[in-house]
Protein backbone atom coordinates (compact mmCIF):
# COMPACT_ATOMS: atom_id res chain seq x y z
CA MET A 1 -99.30 -31.84 -141.04
CA GLY A 2 -95.73 -32.28 -142.23
CA ILE A 3 -93.53 -29.75 -143.91
CA THR A 4 -92.11 -30.66 -147.24
CA ASP A 5 -88.76 -29.78 -148.80
CA THR A 6 -88.55 -26.35 -150.45
CA GLY A 7 -87.20 -28.04 -153.59
CA SER A 8 -88.50 -26.23 -156.67
CA ARG A 9 -91.73 -25.02 -155.13
CA PHE A 10 -90.88 -21.33 -155.51
CA ALA A 11 -90.29 -19.04 -158.44
CA SER A 12 -87.41 -17.23 -156.69
CA PRO A 13 -84.51 -18.31 -154.45
CA PRO A 14 -84.04 -16.92 -150.93
CA CYS A 15 -82.16 -13.66 -150.56
CA LEU A 16 -78.61 -13.95 -149.26
CA ALA A 17 -78.39 -10.16 -148.55
CA GLY A 18 -76.41 -7.58 -141.39
CA GLU A 19 -72.98 -1.89 -120.58
CA ILE A 20 -75.97 -0.19 -119.45
CA ALA A 21 -76.56 -0.12 -115.68
CA PRO A 22 -79.96 -1.78 -115.02
CA ASP A 23 -80.48 0.40 -111.94
CA TYR A 24 -80.07 3.52 -114.05
CA PHE A 25 -82.20 2.98 -117.10
CA ASP A 26 -84.31 5.81 -118.48
CA PRO A 27 -87.28 4.23 -120.35
CA MET A 28 -88.44 7.64 -121.60
CA ALA A 29 -85.07 8.21 -123.28
CA VAL A 30 -84.72 11.78 -122.04
CA ASP A 31 -81.07 11.15 -121.17
CA PRO A 32 -79.20 11.57 -124.49
CA GLU A 33 -76.05 9.89 -123.17
CA GLN A 34 -77.97 6.81 -122.13
CA ALA A 35 -79.81 6.76 -125.47
CA ARG A 36 -76.42 6.63 -127.18
CA ASP A 37 -75.36 3.84 -124.82
CA VAL A 38 -78.50 1.87 -125.69
CA ALA A 39 -77.84 2.33 -129.40
CA ARG A 40 -74.25 1.13 -129.04
CA TRP A 41 -75.31 -1.84 -126.91
CA ARG A 42 -78.00 -2.84 -129.41
CA ALA A 43 -75.54 -2.66 -132.28
CA SER A 44 -73.14 -4.89 -130.36
CA GLU A 45 -75.88 -7.39 -129.54
CA ARG A 46 -77.06 -7.48 -133.15
CA THR A 47 -73.55 -8.34 -134.25
CA ARG A 48 -73.18 -11.04 -131.60
CA LEU A 49 -76.57 -12.66 -132.16
CA ARG A 50 -76.28 -12.63 -135.93
CA ALA A 51 -72.83 -14.23 -135.72
CA GLU A 52 -74.21 -16.97 -133.46
CA ARG A 53 -77.08 -17.55 -135.88
CA GLN A 54 -74.81 -17.70 -138.90
CA ALA A 55 -72.51 -20.14 -137.07
CA LEU A 56 -75.28 -22.75 -137.01
CA SER A 57 -74.98 -25.49 -139.59
CA VAL A 58 -77.39 -25.56 -142.51
CA ARG A 59 -78.92 -28.67 -140.98
CA GLY A 60 -79.27 -26.95 -137.61
CA ARG A 61 -81.01 -23.90 -139.10
CA ALA A 62 -83.31 -26.17 -141.10
CA ALA A 63 -84.30 -28.04 -137.93
CA VAL A 64 -85.10 -24.75 -136.20
CA GLY A 65 -87.18 -23.67 -139.19
CA ARG A 66 -89.18 -26.90 -139.21
CA ALA A 67 -89.89 -26.73 -135.48
CA LEU A 68 -90.91 -23.07 -135.69
CA ALA A 69 -93.18 -23.76 -138.63
CA GLU A 70 -95.03 -26.48 -136.74
CA HIS A 71 -95.53 -24.22 -133.71
CA LEU A 72 -96.69 -21.39 -135.95
CA ARG A 73 -99.06 -23.69 -137.84
CA GLU A 74 -100.62 -24.77 -134.53
CA LEU A 75 -100.91 -21.16 -133.35
CA LEU A 76 -102.62 -20.03 -136.55
CA PHE A 77 -104.92 -23.02 -136.64
CA THR A 78 -106.03 -22.94 -132.99
CA ARG A 79 -106.16 -19.20 -132.29
CA PHE A 80 -107.13 -17.90 -135.72
CA ASP A 81 -109.34 -20.68 -137.12
CA ARG A 82 -106.63 -21.76 -139.59
CA ALA A 83 -106.20 -18.09 -140.60
CA GLN A 84 -109.07 -18.44 -143.03
CA GLY A 85 -110.24 -15.09 -144.39
CA ARG A 86 -107.19 -13.32 -143.00
CA VAL A 87 -104.15 -11.71 -144.58
CA VAL A 88 -100.92 -13.06 -143.10
CA SER A 89 -97.76 -11.04 -143.68
CA ALA A 90 -94.74 -13.35 -143.65
CA TYR A 91 -91.12 -12.63 -144.58
CA TRP A 92 -88.53 -13.78 -147.12
CA PRO A 93 -85.62 -15.34 -145.19
CA ILE A 94 -82.36 -13.42 -145.12
CA LYS A 95 -79.18 -13.49 -143.01
CA GLY A 96 -79.77 -16.92 -141.48
CA GLU A 97 -83.39 -16.26 -140.44
CA PRO A 98 -85.68 -19.28 -139.94
CA ASP A 99 -87.05 -20.35 -143.33
CA LEU A 100 -90.84 -20.53 -143.20
CA ARG A 101 -91.38 -20.67 -146.97
CA PRO A 102 -92.62 -24.28 -146.94
CA LEU A 103 -95.30 -23.31 -144.43
CA MET A 104 -96.13 -20.23 -146.50
CA ALA A 105 -96.75 -22.49 -149.49
CA ASP A 106 -98.91 -24.81 -147.38
CA LEU A 107 -100.95 -21.88 -146.08
CA HIS A 108 -101.44 -20.58 -149.60
CA ALA A 109 -102.64 -24.01 -150.72
CA ALA A 110 -105.10 -23.98 -147.80
CA GLY A 111 -106.59 -20.69 -149.00
CA VAL A 112 -104.79 -18.23 -146.74
CA THR A 113 -103.85 -14.90 -148.32
CA LEU A 114 -100.16 -14.09 -147.85
CA ALA A 115 -98.18 -10.90 -148.24
CA LEU A 116 -94.57 -9.85 -147.91
CA PRO A 117 -93.30 -6.51 -146.58
CA LEU A 118 -91.10 -4.23 -148.64
CA VAL A 119 -89.54 -0.80 -148.44
CA GLU A 120 -90.93 1.41 -151.19
CA HIS A 121 -89.80 4.68 -149.62
CA ARG A 122 -86.92 5.09 -147.20
CA ALA A 123 -87.86 6.09 -143.62
CA ALA A 124 -91.54 5.38 -144.38
CA PRO A 125 -93.85 2.56 -143.26
CA LEU A 126 -93.52 -0.75 -145.06
CA VAL A 127 -95.84 -1.75 -147.87
CA PHE A 128 -97.29 -5.28 -147.97
CA ARG A 129 -97.74 -6.94 -151.37
CA ARG A 130 -99.44 -10.22 -152.16
CA TRP A 131 -97.26 -13.32 -152.49
CA THR A 132 -97.91 -16.80 -153.90
CA PRO A 133 -95.44 -19.62 -154.64
CA ASP A 134 -95.65 -18.57 -158.31
CA THR A 135 -94.69 -14.94 -157.66
CA ILE A 136 -91.61 -13.91 -159.62
CA MET A 137 -89.66 -11.93 -157.06
CA VAL A 138 -87.61 -8.83 -157.82
CA LEU A 139 -84.76 -7.23 -155.91
CA GLY A 140 -85.86 -4.49 -153.54
CA SER A 141 -83.96 -2.36 -151.05
CA TRP A 142 -80.71 -3.89 -149.82
CA ASN A 143 -81.08 -6.61 -152.50
CA ILE A 144 -83.89 -8.31 -150.60
CA SER A 145 -86.26 -10.34 -152.77
CA VAL A 146 -89.77 -8.83 -152.81
CA PRO A 147 -92.97 -9.14 -154.87
CA PRO A 148 -93.09 -6.95 -157.98
CA PRO A 149 -94.83 -3.54 -158.00
CA GLU A 150 -97.84 -4.96 -159.83
CA ALA A 151 -98.62 -7.36 -156.95
CA ASP A 152 -101.67 -6.24 -154.96
CA ALA A 153 -101.02 -4.08 -151.90
CA LEU A 154 -102.71 -5.61 -148.85
CA THR A 155 -103.28 -4.73 -145.19
CA PRO A 156 -102.23 -7.59 -142.90
CA ASP A 157 -104.38 -8.98 -140.12
CA ILE A 158 -101.47 -11.03 -138.76
CA THR A 159 -97.84 -10.03 -139.14
CA LEU A 160 -94.76 -12.21 -138.65
CA ALA A 161 -91.67 -10.32 -137.51
CA PRO A 162 -88.25 -11.98 -137.71
CA LEU A 163 -86.23 -11.41 -134.54
CA VAL A 164 -82.54 -10.79 -134.07
CA GLY A 165 -83.20 -10.78 -130.31
CA TRP A 166 -86.22 -10.78 -127.98
CA ASP A 167 -87.10 -10.31 -124.33
CA SER A 168 -89.79 -11.58 -121.96
CA ALA A 169 -91.79 -8.34 -122.24
CA GLY A 170 -92.36 -9.05 -125.95
CA PHE A 171 -89.94 -6.46 -127.28
CA ARG A 172 -88.03 -7.20 -130.46
CA LEU A 173 -84.45 -6.43 -131.35
CA GLY A 174 -84.46 -6.01 -135.13
CA TYR A 175 -81.92 -4.84 -137.66
CA GLY A 176 -81.97 -1.23 -136.50
CA GLY A 177 -83.78 0.50 -139.35
CA GLY A 178 -86.97 1.11 -137.37
CA TYR A 179 -89.22 0.07 -140.24
CA PHE A 180 -91.30 -2.48 -138.34
CA ASP A 181 -92.12 -0.21 -135.40
CA ARG A 182 -92.80 2.69 -137.78
CA THR A 183 -95.21 0.47 -139.73
CA LEU A 184 -97.07 -0.77 -136.64
CA ALA A 185 -97.50 2.80 -135.46
CA ALA A 186 -99.07 3.73 -138.81
CA LEU A 187 -101.46 0.77 -139.20
CA THR A 188 -105.05 1.11 -137.97
CA PRO A 189 -106.14 -1.28 -136.68
CA GLN A 190 -102.81 -2.78 -135.75
CA PRO A 191 -102.30 -6.37 -136.88
CA PHE A 192 -101.71 -9.22 -134.45
CA THR A 193 -97.92 -9.46 -134.27
CA ILE A 194 -95.91 -12.67 -133.92
CA GLY A 195 -92.15 -12.51 -133.44
CA ILE A 196 -90.24 -15.41 -135.02
CA GLY A 197 -86.74 -16.17 -133.75
CA PHE A 198 -84.19 -18.49 -132.24
CA HIS A 199 -84.63 -19.52 -128.62
CA SER A 200 -80.98 -18.68 -127.96
CA ALA A 201 -81.61 -15.04 -128.99
CA TYR A 202 -83.30 -14.31 -125.65
CA LEU A 203 -82.14 -11.13 -123.88
CA THR A 204 -82.99 -10.10 -120.33
CA THR A 205 -84.17 -6.80 -121.84
CA ILE A 206 -83.62 -4.86 -125.04
CA PHE A 207 -83.83 -1.63 -123.00
CA PRO A 208 -86.99 -0.51 -124.87
CA GLN A 209 -87.19 3.09 -126.04
CA PRO A 210 -90.39 5.12 -126.59
CA HIS A 211 -90.61 4.09 -130.25
CA ASP A 212 -90.41 0.34 -129.50
CA ILE A 213 -93.73 -1.52 -129.73
CA PRO A 214 -94.05 -4.89 -127.98
CA LEU A 215 -95.24 -7.87 -129.99
CA ASP A 216 -98.30 -9.91 -129.09
CA VAL A 217 -96.50 -13.26 -129.23
CA ILE A 218 -92.88 -14.39 -129.31
CA LEU A 219 -92.41 -17.80 -130.93
CA THR A 220 -89.21 -19.85 -131.02
CA GLN A 221 -88.40 -23.45 -131.91
CA GLU A 222 -89.37 -24.26 -128.29
CA GLY A 223 -92.89 -22.89 -128.78
CA VAL A 224 -94.68 -19.77 -127.50
CA GLN A 225 -92.39 -17.84 -125.11
CA VAL A 226 -94.42 -14.64 -124.69
CA SER A 227 -98.15 -14.15 -125.12
CA ARG A 228 -99.37 -10.67 -124.24
CA GLN A 229 -102.99 -10.92 -125.38
CA THR A 230 -105.53 -13.06 -127.19
CA PRO A 231 -107.05 -12.12 -130.54
C-alpha cells in the first residue's frame, strides 16, 4: 500500500518547534559523579544527533519517513492484525523527526483509532487525546501542535516513540524531559512500545539509568532493529 503526499490532507501544519568509561559504569546510578557524567554525555549526544538529522535534505528526510512508514505498516498489519480495535498513539513531527502523518491518515481511514501525546501538567505523565486528519490542532507546551482539550482522552494499546538515539538493548535517547519514561511507568497495563528513528542514530549504549524503560521494538528506515518481545 503506497503512501501519498501530505498535501492538504491535514487541518494543521507540522510543528517547527531541541566520556564515560565502559568498564566503570554504575547501572544503579548510586555514583552521583557518574550520573552527572551520563547526563552531560547524553546532552552532548542529543546535540550531535539532532544536528546530523537536521543536516539531511528535505528529500532525504522524506525518503526516511516513507521507508519507516512502510516498515511500520507491515509491523502493525502482521503482528497486530492491522491494529483493528486498538488505540495507536503516534506523534506530531518536530525537529526533523520522521514524518508519519500520511500513514496516520491511512490508518485512520482503515478504522484505526489514533491519539497524540501532550503535556497537560509539567513533570507529570503525558495525556493522550484522539486525533483525526480533521482535528484542528492547537499549540501546547513548547509550541508543539496537539489536539484541543475537548478531544477525547484515550489509553493507548500501542505507542510510537520518536528517537533521538537508540541502542541494541532497546533503550531510547529522547529529548531529556523524562516524560515518556514517566508515562510508561504510570500506565497499567503498559502499551506495546515502538521506537521510531534514524538508522544512523544508533549508539553502542545510552548508559541506561534506573528510570529508563526499554522499548519493545526499535524501528528504523532499515526495518526492525530490536525486538524484545511479541504481543
